[in-house]
Amino acid sequence: MAAKSMKSLTKYRRITVKIGSALLVDRATGLKRDWLTSLADDIAVLANAGAEVLVVSSGAIALGRTILGLGKRALKLEESQAAAAVGQIALAGAWSDALGKDGLKSGQILLTLGDTEERRRYLNARATISTLLKMKAVPVINENDTVATSEIRYGDNDRLAARVATMMGADLLVLLSDIDGLYTAPPAKDPGAKFIPVVDRITPDIEAMAGAAASELSRGGMRTKLDAGKIANAAGTAMIITAGTRLSPLMAIERGERATFFRPSANPVKGYKTWIAGQLEPAGRLTVDAGAVGALKSGKSLLPAGVKLVSGNFSRGDTVAILSPEGREIARGLVAYDAADAVRIAGLKTAEIENVLGYEARSAMIHRDDLVVSLAGDQVLASGQISAGDQVLADE
């Protein structure tokens, strides 16, 4: 498949578009209304062609600090939250006006980390957004920065966008950025950096190409975009990174202008396991031995006997990361024991567990039905599915 056809938006049924703060807000003058109008026009084109479009829009804090005259200085937590409160109203109104001019309705959704990490709240958020889509309204989604703290936040809207895309079963995630795609090194620092049009899989070598955030308006950078790509691609969602600095940035993709396409997994995680695989912050970590690594990759449950080290303060049912002896994350799953009991039974055979705990307990630390395995930490796969080959493809 040619790179241009892969990047055509018209073939996708449901598209999530993420907009960074620096694209939407000018430090001196505030909201970039002409740019927003052009993007709304793009969304209308896609909607009229039959696609459902979800927007994950940064900009509340950046817009609020401009309205409040807070300048470029670093803000205290309560100042950021106040700026978000002011900015959210202005941002929601701007989106409503811009989309309304094209005959589209919109609805604002403000999420906290718990809304996607806790199963019941995740399902509730998904149901609300699904209903908006059925009513032909464009969901405009942002982190609820008025209440989020450093301990309970996504930290960047790239990963939030990926979480939303996988939660809603989107076919495509588009990250509009201040850079037109992935390069072999940050091009601002390395003039010899080469553009990469297509990424077959996000490997450690690909991750090593990432740089840091570009401005004080942004909490993200290429690394968070690659983190987003891993979440999205694992669930079968393709991803595009492209420059959003031009007017009508979505139609620019359609015209074949420069963008990096990230292929979705050929064996995507589905349903319940999508929620497990997409968990952003595991509650704890279990380091296992080589035998357990092999058992997990063959589709078996994680038994206490294979666990060598337990870390974190987690409760039964929490999501924990499973690490190889070398410290690489190889799986995630819902643990069947509290941390205190997990420590006590780590390394024990099933027959020994009852004597230690004093009650008849589950044989598995994490059952295979609650487990999602990754290949060497590079790509999350449904339990037992193995794929091979690390490569970056040139433009086809």
Protein backbone atom coordinates (compact mmCIF):
# COMPACT_ATOMS: atom_id res chain seq x y z
CA MET A 1 0.00 0.00 0.00
CA ALA A 2 1.39 3.37 -0.95
CA ALA A 3 2.20 5.75 1.86
CA LYS A 4 -0.17 8.41 0.51
CA SER A 5 -3.15 6.02 0.43
CA MET A 6 -2.35 4.83 3.97
CA LYS A 7 -2.52 8.44 5.12
CA SER A 8 -5.81 9.20 3.33
CA LEU A 9 -8.41 10.04 5.97
CA THR A 10 -11.46 9.27 3.85
CA LYS A 11 -11.24 5.50 4.37
CA TYR A 12 -11.50 5.69 8.17
CA ARG A 13 -14.81 5.25 9.98
CA ARG A 14 -13.91 6.89 13.30
CA ILE A 15 -11.04 9.35 13.77
CA THR A 16 -9.62 10.89 16.93
CA VAL A 17 -7.75 14.17 16.40
CA LYS A 18 -5.46 15.63 19.06
CA ILE A 19 -4.54 19.32 19.04
CA GLY A 20 -1.64 20.71 21.04
CA SER A 21 -1.80 23.96 23.00
CA ALA A 22 0.82 25.76 20.91
CA LEU A 23 -1.24 25.17 17.76
CA LEU A 24 -4.43 26.61 19.21
CA VAL A 25 -3.17 29.43 21.44
CA ASP A 26 -0.79 32.30 20.65
CA ARG A 27 1.21 33.40 23.69
CA ALA A 28 0.51 37.07 23.05
CA THR A 29 -2.90 37.24 21.40
CA GLY A 30 -4.72 34.16 22.67
CA LEU A 31 -6.91 31.88 20.57
CA LYS A 32 -5.92 31.38 16.91
CA ARG A 33 -9.43 31.71 15.50
CA ASP A 34 -8.53 31.47 11.81
CA TRP A 35 -6.66 28.22 12.42
CA LEU A 36 -9.51 26.79 14.49
CA THR A 37 -12.01 27.73 11.78
CA SER A 38 -9.93 25.92 9.16
CA LEU A 39 -9.71 22.80 11.32
CA ALA A 40 -13.46 22.88 11.95
CA ASP A 41 -13.97 23.05 8.18
CA ASP A 42 -11.76 19.94 7.82
CA ILE A 43 -13.79 18.10 10.44
CA ALA A 44 -16.99 19.03 8.60
CA VAL A 45 -15.59 17.58 5.36
CA LEU A 46 -14.87 14.28 7.11
CA ALA A 47 -18.23 14.26 8.92
CA ASN A 48 -20.09 14.91 5.67
CA ALA A 49 -18.22 11.98 4.12
CA GLY A 50 -19.57 9.70 6.86
CA ALA A 51 -16.74 9.66 9.41
CA GLU A 52 -17.21 10.17 13.14
CA VAL A 53 -14.63 12.61 14.52
CA LEU A 54 -13.56 13.01 18.14
CA VAL A 55 -11.39 15.94 19.19
CA VAL A 56 -8.92 15.89 22.07
CA SER A 57 -8.10 19.55 22.52
CA SER A 58 -5.34 20.98 24.66
CA GLY A 59 -5.30 24.69 25.34
CA ALA A 60 -7.41 25.38 28.42
CA ILE A 61 -4.51 26.40 30.66
CA ALA A 62 -2.68 28.22 27.85
CA LEU A 63 -5.82 30.14 26.90
CA GLY A 64 -6.76 30.87 30.50
CA ARG A 65 -3.34 32.23 31.38
CA THR A 66 -3.55 34.54 28.36
CA ILE A 67 -7.01 35.78 29.37
CA LEU A 68 -5.83 36.30 32.97
CA GLY A 69 -2.58 37.98 31.89
CA LEU A 70 -0.33 35.48 33.68
CA GLY A 71 2.47 35.68 31.11
CA LYS A 72 5.07 32.98 30.46
CA ARG A 73 6.20 32.39 34.03
CA ALA A 74 5.84 28.99 35.68
CA LEU A 75 2.48 28.69 37.42
CA LYS A 76 1.72 27.27 40.84
CA LEU A 77 -0.70 24.34 40.88
CA GLU A 78 -3.63 26.45 42.04
CA GLU A 79 -2.83 29.08 39.38
CA SER A 80 -2.82 26.42 36.67
CA GLN A 81 -6.14 25.14 37.91
CA ALA A 82 -7.60 28.65 37.95
CA ALA A 83 -6.30 29.29 34.45
CA ALA A 84 -7.88 26.01 33.32
CA ALA A 85 -11.22 27.03 34.82
CA VAL A 86 -11.21 30.27 32.82
CA GLY A 87 -9.77 28.65 29.71
CA GLN A 88 -12.21 25.74 29.61
CA ILE A 89 -15.20 28.05 29.24
CA ALA A 90 -13.54 30.05 26.47
CA LEU A 91 -12.25 26.93 24.71
CA ALA A 92 -15.62 25.15 24.77
CA GLY A 93 -17.32 28.25 23.40
CA ALA A 94 -14.75 28.61 20.64
CA TRP A 95 -15.17 25.00 19.54
CA SER A 96 -18.97 25.30 19.63
CA ASP A 97 -18.86 28.44 17.48
CA ALA A 98 -16.33 27.07 14.98
CA LEU A 99 -18.10 23.74 14.47
CA GLY A 100 -21.52 25.39 14.52
CA LYS A 101 -20.63 27.51 11.49
CA ASP A 102 -20.33 24.23 9.56
CA GLY A 103 -23.63 22.93 10.91
CA LEU A 104 -22.04 20.60 13.47
CA LYS A 105 -23.05 20.19 17.11
CA SER A 106 -20.42 19.67 19.80
CA GLY A 107 -20.22 18.51 23.41
CA GLN A 108 -17.50 18.99 26.00
CA ILE A 109 -16.10 16.03 27.94
CA LEU A 110 -13.63 16.68 30.80
CA LEU A 111 -11.79 13.58 31.99
CA THR A 112 -9.57 12.79 34.95
CA LEU A 113 -7.12 9.89 35.06
CA GLY A 114 -9.54 7.81 37.11
CA ASP A 115 -12.18 8.13 34.41
CA THR A 116 -10.18 5.88 32.11
CA GLU A 117 -8.20 3.82 34.63
CA GLU A 118 -11.13 2.62 36.77
CA ARG A 119 -13.23 0.09 34.87
CA ARG A 120 -16.71 1.34 35.84
CA ARG A 121 -15.87 4.99 35.12
CA TYR A 122 -14.18 3.95 31.88
CA LEU A 123 -17.38 2.27 30.72
CA ASN A 124 -19.44 5.29 31.77
CA ALA A 125 -17.18 7.70 29.86
CA ARG A 126 -17.34 5.44 26.82
CA ALA A 127 -21.13 5.32 26.96
CA THR A 128 -21.40 9.12 27.18
CA ILE A 129 -19.08 9.70 24.23
CA SER A 130 -20.83 6.97 22.21
CA THR A 131 -24.16 8.69 22.79
CA LEU A 132 -22.77 12.02 21.58
CA LEU A 133 -21.55 10.33 18.41
CA LYS A 134 -24.93 8.69 17.83
CA MET A 135 -26.49 12.16 18.13
CA LYS A 136 -24.08 13.42 15.43
CA ALA A 137 -22.27 15.70 17.89
CA VAL A 138 -18.49 16.12 17.89
CA PRO A 139 -17.07 15.25 21.35
CA VAL A 140 -14.44 17.81 22.39
CA ILE A 141 -12.37 16.14 25.10
CA ASN A 142 -9.76 17.51 27.49
CA GLU A 143 -8.20 16.61 30.79
CA ASN A 144 -10.04 18.23 33.69
CA ASP A 145 -7.12 20.43 34.69
CA THR A 146 -9.20 22.31 37.26
CA VAL A 147 -9.04 19.33 39.65
CA ALA A 148 -6.12 17.20 38.40
CA THR A 149 -2.87 17.23 40.37
CA SER A 150 0.56 15.91 39.44
CA GLU A 151 -0.28 12.66 41.22
CA ILE A 152 -3.60 12.06 39.43
CA ARG A 153 -3.18 13.38 35.90
CA TYR A 154 -2.46 12.02 32.45
CA GLY A 155 0.37 14.53 32.17
CA ASP A 156 -0.05 15.01 28.43
CA ASN A 157 -2.88 14.94 25.93
CA ASP A 158 -1.04 12.61 23.55
CA ARG A 159 -1.57 9.63 25.83
CA LEU A 160 -5.06 10.85 26.73
CA ALA A 161 -5.89 10.94 23.02
CA ALA A 162 -4.60 7.40 22.56
CA ARG A 163 -6.63 6.24 25.55
CA VAL A 164 -9.75 7.89 24.12
CA ALA A 165 -9.08 6.45 20.65
CA THR A 166 -8.77 2.90 21.94
CA MET A 167 -11.68 3.31 24.37
CA MET A 168 -13.92 4.37 21.48
CA GLY A 169 -12.58 1.88 18.93
CA ALA A 170 -11.25 4.58 16.60
CA ASP A 171 -9.62 3.41 13.37
CA LEU A 172 -7.18 6.32 13.31
CA LEU A 173 -5.49 8.67 15.75
CA VAL A 174 -4.10 11.92 14.31
CA LEU A 175 -1.65 13.87 16.46
CA LEU A 176 -1.34 17.43 15.17
CA SER A 177 2.01 18.75 16.31
CA ASP A 178 4.56 21.49 15.70
CA ILE A 179 6.63 18.93 13.77
CA ASP A 180 5.60 17.17 10.56
CA GLY A 181 6.45 13.65 11.68
CA LEU A 182 9.12 11.38 13.13
CA TYR A 183 12.80 11.91 12.33
CA THR A 184 15.84 9.81 13.14
CA ALA A 185 16.79 12.56 15.62
CA PRO A 186 15.21 15.85 16.73
CA PRO A 187 15.64 17.97 13.56
CA ALA A 188 16.01 21.21 15.52
CA LYS A 189 19.17 19.80 17.08
CA ASP A 190 20.45 17.62 14.25
CA PRO A 191 20.35 19.13 10.72
CA GLY A 192 21.18 15.70 9.32
CA ALA A 193 18.10 14.03 10.82
CA LYS A 194 16.15 12.01 8.26
CA PHE A 195 12.36 11.95 8.00
CA ILE A 196 10.65 8.57 8.52
CA PRO A 197 7.38 8.31 6.54
CA VAL A 198 6.17 4.90 7.80
CA VAL A 199 6.81 3.05 11.05
CA ASP A 200 5.95 -0.63 11.07
CA ARG A 201 6.39 -1.03 14.81
CA ILE A 202 7.54 1.16 17.69
CA THR A 203 10.71 -0.50 18.94
CA PRO A 204 13.33 0.70 21.46
CA ASP A 205 15.39 1.99 18.52
CA ILE A 206 12.43 4.11 17.37
CA GLU A 207 11.88 5.39 20.91
CA ALA A 208 15.52 6.44 21.11
CA MET A 209 14.86 8.97 18.34
CA ALA A 210 12.42 10.96 20.49
CA GLY A 211 13.18 14.40 21.89
CA ALA A 212 11.65 16.57 24.65
CA ALA A 213 8.82 19.12 24.79
CA ALA A 214 9.19 22.08 22.45
CA SER A 215 7.68 24.92 24.50
CA GLU A 216 6.32 25.91 27.89
CA LEU A 217 2.79 25.66 26.50
CA SER A 218 3.23 21.94 25.90
CA ARG A 219 3.73 19.10 28.37
CA GLY A 220 4.34 16.59 25.60
CA GLY A 221 7.08 15.81 23.11
CA MET A 222 7.93 13.11 20.60
CA ARG A 223 8.38 10.59 23.40
CA THR A 224 4.80 11.00 24.60
CA LYS A 225 3.64 10.70 21.00
CA LEU A 226 5.42 7.39 20.67
CA ASP A 227 3.89 6.27 23.98
CA ALA A 228 0.53 7.18 22.47
CA GLY A 229 1.40 5.21 19.37
CA LYS A 230 2.15 2.08 21.35
CA ILE A 231 -1.22 2.30 23.10
CA ALA A 232 -3.11 3.00 19.88
CA ASN A 233 -1.34 0.55 17.59
CA ALA A 234 -1.71 -2.30 20.08
CA ALA A 235 -5.49 -1.89 19.95
CA GLY A 236 -5.58 -1.88 16.17
CA THR A 237 -5.69 1.91 15.76
CA ALA A 238 -3.40 3.46 13.14
CA MET A 239 -1.67 6.72 14.04
CA ILE A 240 -0.46 9.73 12.06
CA ILE A 241 1.86 12.46 13.34
CA THR A 242 1.89 15.59 11.21
CA ALA A 243 2.34 19.35 11.41
CA GLY A 244 -0.69 21.24 12.62
CA THR A 245 0.89 24.64 12.12
CA ARG A 246 -0.60 25.08 8.63
CA LEU A 247 -4.23 25.97 7.99
CA SER A 248 -6.56 23.03 7.24
CA PRO A 249 -4.08 20.48 8.63
CA LEU A 250 -6.35 17.46 8.10
CA MET A 251 -6.89 18.22 4.44
CA ALA A 252 -3.10 18.67 4.16
CA ILE A 253 -2.81 14.98 5.12
CA GLU A 254 -5.42 14.16 2.48
CA ARG A 255 -3.34 16.01 -0.13
CA GLY A 256 -0.36 13.84 0.73
CA GLU A 257 1.72 16.43 2.55
CA ARG A 258 4.42 15.15 4.87
CA ALA A 259 3.30 12.97 7.79
CA THR A 260 4.48 9.81 9.55
CA PHE A 261 2.13 6.83 9.48
CA PHE A 262 2.29 4.23 12.27
CA ARG A 263 0.85 0.87 11.32
CA PRO A 264 -1.64 -0.77 13.69
CA SER A 265 -0.89 -4.21 15.11
CA ALA A 266 -1.87 -7.14 12.90
CA ASN A 267 -3.03 -8.92 16.07
CA PRO A 268 -4.76 -6.17 18.06
CA VAL A 269 -5.95 -6.43 21.62
CA LYS A 270 -9.74 -6.25 21.74
CA GLY A 271 -12.56 -5.62 24.18
CA TYR A 272 -11.82 -6.02 27.87
CA LYS A 273 -8.10 -6.45 27.28
CA THR A 274 -7.92 -3.08 25.51
CA TRP A 275 -8.67 -1.46 28.86
CA ILE A 276 -5.93 -3.48 30.59
CA ALA A 277 -3.33 -2.85 27.87
CA GLY A 278 -4.05 0.88 27.79
CA GLN A 279 -3.62 1.49 31.52
CA LEU A 280 -1.26 4.45 31.78
CA GLU A 281 0.05 4.03 35.32
CA PRO A 282 0.34 0.50 36.77
CA ALA A 283 -0.28 0.27 40.51
CA GLY A 284 2.71 -2.01 41.03
CA ARG A 285 5.27 -4.24 39.37
CA LEU A 286 6.08 -7.95 39.46
CA THR A 287 9.52 -9.08 38.32
CA VAL A 288 9.48 -12.67 37.06
CA ASP A 289 12.03 -15.31 36.13
CA ALA A 290 12.90 -16.53 32.63
CA GLY A 291 10.62 -19.55 32.95
CA ALA A 292 7.64 -17.31 33.67
CA VAL A 293 8.48 -15.14 30.66
CA GLY A 294 8.26 -18.19 28.41
CA ALA A 295 5.03 -19.35 30.03
CA LEU A 296 3.40 -15.95 29.58
CA LYS A 297 4.36 -15.76 25.92
CA SER A 298 2.83 -19.20 25.35
CA GLY A 299 -0.49 -17.97 26.73
CA LYS A 300 -0.36 -19.28 30.31
CA SER A 301 -1.30 -17.56 33.57
CA LEU A 302 1.32 -16.05 35.86
CA LEU A 303 1.84 -18.32 38.87
CA PRO A 304 3.38 -17.16 42.17
CA ALA A 305 6.29 -19.56 41.61
CA GLY A 306 7.58 -17.43 38.76
CA VAL A 307 7.50 -14.13 40.68
CA LYS A 308 10.84 -13.01 42.10
CA LEU A 309 10.17 -9.43 43.24
CA VAL A 310 7.04 -7.49 44.18
CA SER A 311 6.98 -3.68 44.30
CA GLY A 312 4.20 -1.14 44.80
CA ASN A 313 1.23 -0.76 47.11
CA PHE A 314 -1.56 -2.36 45.08
CA SER A 315 -4.85 -4.03 45.88
CA ARG A 316 -6.48 -7.10 44.40
CA GLY A 317 -7.89 -6.22 40.97
CA ASP A 318 -5.40 -3.42 40.28
CA THR A 319 -3.37 -3.33 37.08
CA VAL A 320 0.27 -4.24 37.57
CA ALA A 321 3.19 -4.39 35.15
CA ILE A 322 5.15 -7.61 34.74
CA LEU A 323 8.88 -7.19 34.21
CA SER A 324 11.45 -9.59 32.78
CA PRO A 325 14.61 -10.43 34.76
CA GLU A 326 16.30 -7.61 32.78
CA GLY A 327 13.68 -5.11 33.93
CA ARG A 328 11.75 -4.71 30.64
CA GLU A 329 7.96 -4.62 30.81
CA ILE A 330 6.60 -7.73 29.08
CA ALA A 331 2.96 -7.76 30.17
CA ARG A 332 0.20 -6.11 32.19
CA GLY A 333 -2.61 -7.73 34.08
CA LEU A 334 -5.12 -7.54 36.91
CA VAL A 335 -3.49 -9.01 40.01
CA ALA A 336 -5.42 -11.52 42.14
CA TYR A 337 -3.72 -10.58 45.43
CA ASP A 338 -3.06 -7.50 47.54
CA ALA A 339 0.57 -6.43 47.62
CA ALA A 340 1.16 -7.76 51.15
CA ASP A 341 -0.04 -11.25 50.24
CA ALA A 342 1.78 -11.14 46.90
CA VAL A 343 5.04 -10.53 48.75
CA ARG A 344 4.36 -13.48 51.05
CA ILE A 345 3.67 -16.00 48.27
CA ALA A 346 6.16 -14.84 45.63
CA GLY A 347 8.27 -17.80 44.53
CA LEU A 348 6.01 -20.40 46.13
CA LYS A 349 4.46 -23.41 44.45
CA THR A 350 0.66 -23.55 44.34
CA ALA A 351 0.49 -26.28 47.00
CA GLU A 352 2.42 -24.09 49.45
CA ILE A 353 0.20 -21.00 49.23
CA GLU A 354 -2.59 -22.14 51.58
CA ASN A 355 -0.16 -22.93 54.39
CA VAL A 356 1.37 -19.45 54.17
CA LEU A 357 -1.84 -17.44 53.82
CA GLY A 358 -4.04 -19.60 56.02
CA TYR A 359 -6.82 -19.96 53.47
CA GLU A 360 -7.44 -21.67 50.14
CA ALA A 361 -6.30 -19.13 47.57
CA ARG A 362 -6.18 -18.71 43.81
CA SER A 363 -3.51 -20.66 42.01
CA ALA A 364 -2.62 -17.78 39.67
CA MET A 365 -1.09 -14.45 40.62
CA ILE A 366 -2.63 -13.14 37.37
CA HIS A 367 -5.02 -15.31 35.36
CA ARG A 368 -4.47 -15.47 31.61
CA ASP A 369 -7.96 -14.00 31.04
CA ASP A 370 -6.82 -10.86 32.87
CA LEU A 371 -3.43 -10.66 31.17
CA VAL A 372 -2.05 -8.86 28.12
CA VAL A 373 1.43 -9.86 26.97
CA SER A 374 3.86 -7.70 25.00
CA LEU A 375 6.77 -8.81 22.87
CA ALA A 376 9.97 -7.72 24.61
CA GLY A 377 8.17 -4.63 25.80
CA ASP A 378 7.79 -3.27 22.26
CA GLN A 379 4.20 -4.07 21.31
CA VAL A 380 1.26 -5.14 23.46
CA LEU A 381 -0.44 -8.28 22.21
CA ALA A 382 -3.32 -10.42 23.38
CA SER A 383 -2.10 -13.21 25.66
CA GLY A 384 -0.27 -15.87 23.71
CA GLN A 385 0.06 -13.91 20.46
CA ILE A 386 3.62 -13.51 19.25
CA SER A 387 4.81 -11.45 16.29
CA ALA A 388 8.29 -11.06 14.89
CA GLY A 389 10.33 -8.48 13.09
CA ASP A 390 11.45 -5.00 14.11
CA GLN A 391 11.64 -2.69 11.16
CA VAL A 392 11.02 0.85 9.98
CA LEU A 393 9.73 1.03 6.44
CA ALA A 394 10.76 3.65 3.94
CA ASP A 395 8.12 5.41 1.87
CA GLU A 396 6.48 2.82 -0.36
